[in-house]
PDB file of N, CA and C in Angstrom:
ATOM      1  N   UNK A   1     132.837  37.567 -72.116  1.00  0.00           N
ATOM      2  CA  UNK A   1     133.343  38.895 -71.990  1.00  0.00           C
ATOM      3  C   UNK A   1     133.948  39.144 -70.678  1.00  0.00           C
ATOM      4  N   UNK A   2     135.109  39.730 -70.564  1.00  0.00           N
ATOM      5  CA  UNK A   2     135.726  40.093 -69.343  1.00  0.00           C
ATOM      6  C   UNK A   2     135.568  41.610 -69.218  1.00  0.00           C
ATOM      7  N   UNK A   3     135.270  42.111 -68.039  1.00  0.00           N
ATOM      8  CA  UNK A   3     135.135  43.586 -67.857  1.00  0.00           C
ATOM      9  C   UNK A   3     135.952  43.984 -66.577  1.00  0.00           C
ATOM     10  N   UNK A   4     136.735  45.044 -66.724  1.00  0.00           N
ATOM     11  CA  UNK A   4     137.496  45.619 -65.646  1.00  0.00           C
ATOM     12  C   UNK A   4     136.561  46.501 -64.888  1.00  0.00           C
ATOM     13  N   UNK A   5     136.871  46.709 -63.584  1.00  0.00           N
ATOM     14  CA  UNK A   5     135.993  47.560 -62.775  1.00  0.00           C
ATOM     15  C   UNK A   5     135.812  48.973 -63.406  1.00  0.00           C
ATOM     16  N   UNK A   6     136.857  49.499 -64.103  1.00  0.00           N
ATOM     17  CA  UNK A   6     136.650  50.809 -64.727  1.00  0.00           C
ATOM     18  C   UNK A   6     135.866  50.855 -66.004  1.00  0.00           C
ATOM     19  N   UNK A   7     135.349  49.729 -66.466  1.00  0.00           N
ATOM     20  CA  UNK A   7     134.482  49.570 -67.567  1.00  0.00           C
ATOM     21  C   UNK A   7     135.133  49.062 -68.885  1.00  0.00           C
ATOM     22  N   UNK A   8     136.501  48.905 -68.849  1.00  0.00           N
ATOM     23  CA  UNK A   8     137.055  48.366 -70.094  1.00  0.00           C
ATOM     24  C   UNK A   8     136.586  46.849 -70.250  1.00  0.00           C
ATOM     25  N   UNK A   9     136.483  46.461 -71.504  1.00  0.00           N
ATOM     26  CA  UNK A   9     136.038  45.080 -71.743  1.00  0.00           C
ATOM     27  C   UNK A   9     136.854  44.442 -72.828  1.00  0.00           C
ATOM     28  N   UNK A  10     136.919  43.016 -72.829  1.00  0.00           N
ATOM     29  CA  UNK A  10     137.507  42.333 -73.863  1.00  0.00           C
ATOM     30  C   UNK A  10     136.713  41.055 -74.091  1.00  0.00           C
ATOM     31  N   UNK A  11     136.591  40.658 -75.323  1.00  0.00           N
ATOM     32  CA  UNK A  11     135.782  39.532 -75.630  1.00  0.00           C
ATOM     33  C   UNK A  11     136.708  38.308 -75.802  1.00  0.00           C
ATOM     34  N   UNK A  12     136.328  37.196 -75.169  1.00  0.00           N
ATOM     35  CA  UNK A  12     137.111  35.981 -75.201  1.00  0.00           C
ATOM     36  C   UNK A  12     136.184  34.915 -75.901  1.00  0.00           C
ATOM     37  N   UNK A  13     136.518  34.549 -77.141  1.00  0.00           N
ATOM     38  CA  UNK A  13     135.642  33.540 -77.837  1.00  0.00           C
ATOM     39  C   UNK A  13     135.757  32.238 -77.126  1.00  0.00           C
ATOM     40  N   UNK A  14     134.659  31.507 -77.065  1.00  0.00           N
ATOM     41  CA  UNK A  14     134.597  30.200 -76.475  1.00  0.00           C
ATOM     42  C   UNK A  14     134.186  29.206 -77.509  1.00  0.00           C
ATOM     43  N   UNK A  15     134.944  28.153 -77.740  1.00  0.00           N
ATOM     44  CA  UNK A  15     134.649  27.207 -78.744  1.00  0.00           C
ATOM     45  C   UNK A  15     134.440  25.861 -78.045  1.00  0.00           C
ATOM     46  N   UNK A  16     133.443  25.114 -78.384  1.00  0.00           N
ATOM     47  CA  UNK A  16     133.165  23.876 -77.720  1.00  0.00           C
ATOM     48  C   UNK A  16     134.351  22.940 -77.770  1.00  0.00           C
ATOM     49  N   UNK A  17     134.731  22.372 -76.623  1.00  0.00           N
ATOM     50  CA  UNK A  17     135.746  21.373 -76.470  1.00  0.00           C
ATOM     51  C   UNK A  17     137.140  21.893 -76.749  1.00  0.00           C
ATOM     52  N   UNK A  18     137.327  23.141 -76.617  1.00  0.00           N
ATOM     53  CA  UNK A  18     138.638  23.768 -76.793  1.00  0.00           C
ATOM     54  C   UNK A  18     138.999  24.476 -75.489  1.00  0.00           C
ATOM     55  N   UNK A  19     140.285  24.410 -75.104  1.00  0.00           N
ATOM     56  CA  UNK A  19     140.752  24.959 -73.919  1.00  0.00           C
ATOM     57  C   UNK A  19     141.771  26.109 -74.279  1.00  0.00           C
ATOM     58  N   UNK A  20     141.614  27.262 -73.621  1.00  0.00           N
ATOM     59  CA  UNK A  20     142.542  28.336 -73.807  1.00  0.00           C
ATOM     60  C   UNK A  20     143.882  27.983 -72.998  1.00  0.00           C
ATOM     61  N   UNK A  21     144.932  27.974 -73.686  1.00  0.00           N
ATOM     62  CA  UNK A  21     146.212  27.707 -73.073  1.00  0.00           C
ATOM     63  C   UNK A  21     146.716  28.840 -72.108  1.00  0.00           C
ATOM     64  N   UNK A  22     147.568  28.521 -71.197  1.00  0.00           N
ATOM     65  CA  UNK A  22     147.957  29.492 -70.094  1.00  0.00           C
ATOM     66  C   UNK A  22     148.606  30.720 -70.813  1.00  0.00           C
ATOM     67  N   UNK A  23     149.344  30.610 -71.843  1.00  0.00           N
ATOM     68  CA  UNK A  23     149.957  31.713 -72.450  1.00  0.00           C
ATOM     69  C   UNK A  23     148.951  32.715 -73.032  1.00  0.00           C
ATOM     70  N   UNK A  24     147.976  32.174 -73.783  1.00  0.00           N
ATOM     71  CA  UNK A  24     146.880  32.922 -74.377  1.00  0.00           C
ATOM     72  C   UNK A  24     146.090  33.627 -73.245  1.00  0.00           C
ATOM     73  N   UNK A  25     145.810  32.843 -72.210  1.00  0.00           N
ATOM     74  CA  UNK A  25     145.006  33.463 -71.111  1.00  0.00           C
ATOM     75  C   UNK A  25     145.782  34.632 -70.470  1.00  0.00           C
ATOM     76  N   UNK A  26     147.122  34.476 -70.219  1.00  0.00           N
ATOM     77  CA  UNK A  26     147.891  35.581 -69.711  1.00  0.00           C
ATOM     78  C   UNK A  26     147.850  36.772 -70.637  1.00  0.00           C
ATOM     79  N   UNK A  27     147.917  36.579 -71.938  1.00  0.00           N
ATOM     80  CA  UNK A  27     147.852  37.598 -72.910  1.00  0.00           C
ATOM     81  C   UNK A  27     146.498  38.317 -72.867  1.00  0.00           C
ATOM     82  N   UNK A  28     145.461  37.610 -72.831  1.00  0.00           N
ATOM     83  CA  UNK A  28     144.124  38.239 -72.735  1.00  0.00           C
ATOM     84  C   UNK A  28     143.960  38.974 -71.417  1.00  0.00           C
ATOM     85  N   UNK A  29     144.429  38.491 -70.345  1.00  0.00           N
ATOM     86  CA  UNK A  29     144.287  39.173 -69.027  1.00  0.00           C
ATOM     87  C   UNK A  29     145.218  40.421 -69.105  1.00  0.00           C
ATOM     88  N   UNK A  30     146.363  40.363 -69.666  1.00  0.00           N
ATOM     89  CA  UNK A  30     147.248  41.483 -69.752  1.00  0.00           C
ATOM     90  C   UNK A  30     146.646  42.592 -70.679  1.00  0.00           C
ATOM     91  N   UNK A  31     146.038  42.185 -71.759  1.00  0.00           N
ATOM     92  CA  UNK A  31     145.453  43.125 -72.697  1.00  0.00           C
ATOM     93  C   UNK A  31     144.297  43.835 -71.967  1.00  0.00           C
ATOM     94  N   UNK A  32     143.559  43.139 -71.070  1.00  0.00           N
ATOM     95  CA  UNK A  32     142.439  43.666 -70.370  1.00  0.00           C
ATOM     96  C   UNK A  32     142.872  44.392 -69.022  1.00  0.00           C
ATOM     97  N   UNK A  33     144.156  44.338 -68.811  1.00  0.00           N
ATOM     98  CA  UNK A  33     144.665  44.910 -67.539  1.00  0.00           C
ATOM     99  C   UNK A  33     143.993  44.275 -66.309  1.00  0.00           C
ATOM    100  N   UNK A  34     143.862  42.953 -66.366  1.00  0.00           N
ATOM    101  CA  UNK A  34     143.305  42.142 -65.228  1.00  0.00           C
ATOM    102  C   UNK A  34     144.381  41.256 -64.725  1.00  0.00           C
ATOM    103  N   UNK A  35     144.169  40.779 -63.470  1.00  0.00           N
ATOM    104  CA  UNK A  35     145.076  39.805 -62.846  1.00  0.00           C
ATOM    105  C   UNK A  35     144.312  38.445 -62.825  1.00  0.00           C
ATOM    106  N   UNK A  36     145.011  37.412 -62.513  1.00  0.00           N
ATOM    107  CA  UNK A  36     144.363  36.120 -62.294  1.00  0.00           C
ATOM    108  C   UNK A  36     143.380  36.192 -61.161  1.00  0.00           C
ATOM    109  N   UNK A  37     143.703  36.938 -60.113  1.00  0.00           N
ATOM    110  CA  UNK A  37     142.793  37.157 -58.979  1.00  0.00           C
ATOM    111  C   UNK A  37     141.525  37.847 -59.452  1.00  0.00           C
ATOM    112  N   UNK A  38     141.623  38.796 -60.334  1.00  0.00           N
ATOM    113  CA  UNK A  38     140.444  39.453 -60.895  1.00  0.00           C
ATOM    114  C   UNK A  38     139.559  38.455 -61.578  1.00  0.00           C
ATOM    115  N   UNK A  39     140.165  37.524 -62.324  1.00  0.00           N
ATOM    116  CA  UNK A  39     139.391  36.580 -63.061  1.00  0.00           C
ATOM    117  C   UNK A  39     138.715  35.616 -62.095  1.00  0.00           C
ATOM    118  N   UNK A  40     139.402  35.160 -61.068  1.00  0.00           N
ATOM    119  CA  UNK A  40     138.815  34.239 -60.044  1.00  0.00           C
ATOM    120  C   UNK A  40     137.609  34.884 -59.326  1.00  0.00           C
ATOM    121  N   UNK A  41     137.636  36.210 -59.215  1.00  0.00           N
ATOM    122  CA  UNK A  41     136.542  36.983 -58.499  1.00  0.00           C
ATOM    123  C   UNK A  41     135.282  37.086 -59.418  1.00  0.00           C
ATOM    124  N   UNK A  42     135.548  36.966 -60.711  1.00  0.00           N
ATOM    125  CA  UNK A  42     134.463  37.239 -61.697  1.00  0.00           C
ATOM    126  C   UNK A  42     133.504  36.032 -61.751  1.00  0.00           C
TER     127      UNK A  42
END
């Protein structure tokens, strides 16, 4: 689960041996109003 500092959350399902592609990751981050820097800090 990703959580923004203001409390918004989004669930990112994790499946064994599968990698999230860069496009899907950007979409998830955009939906959660997060940046790549926010993700690295988490």
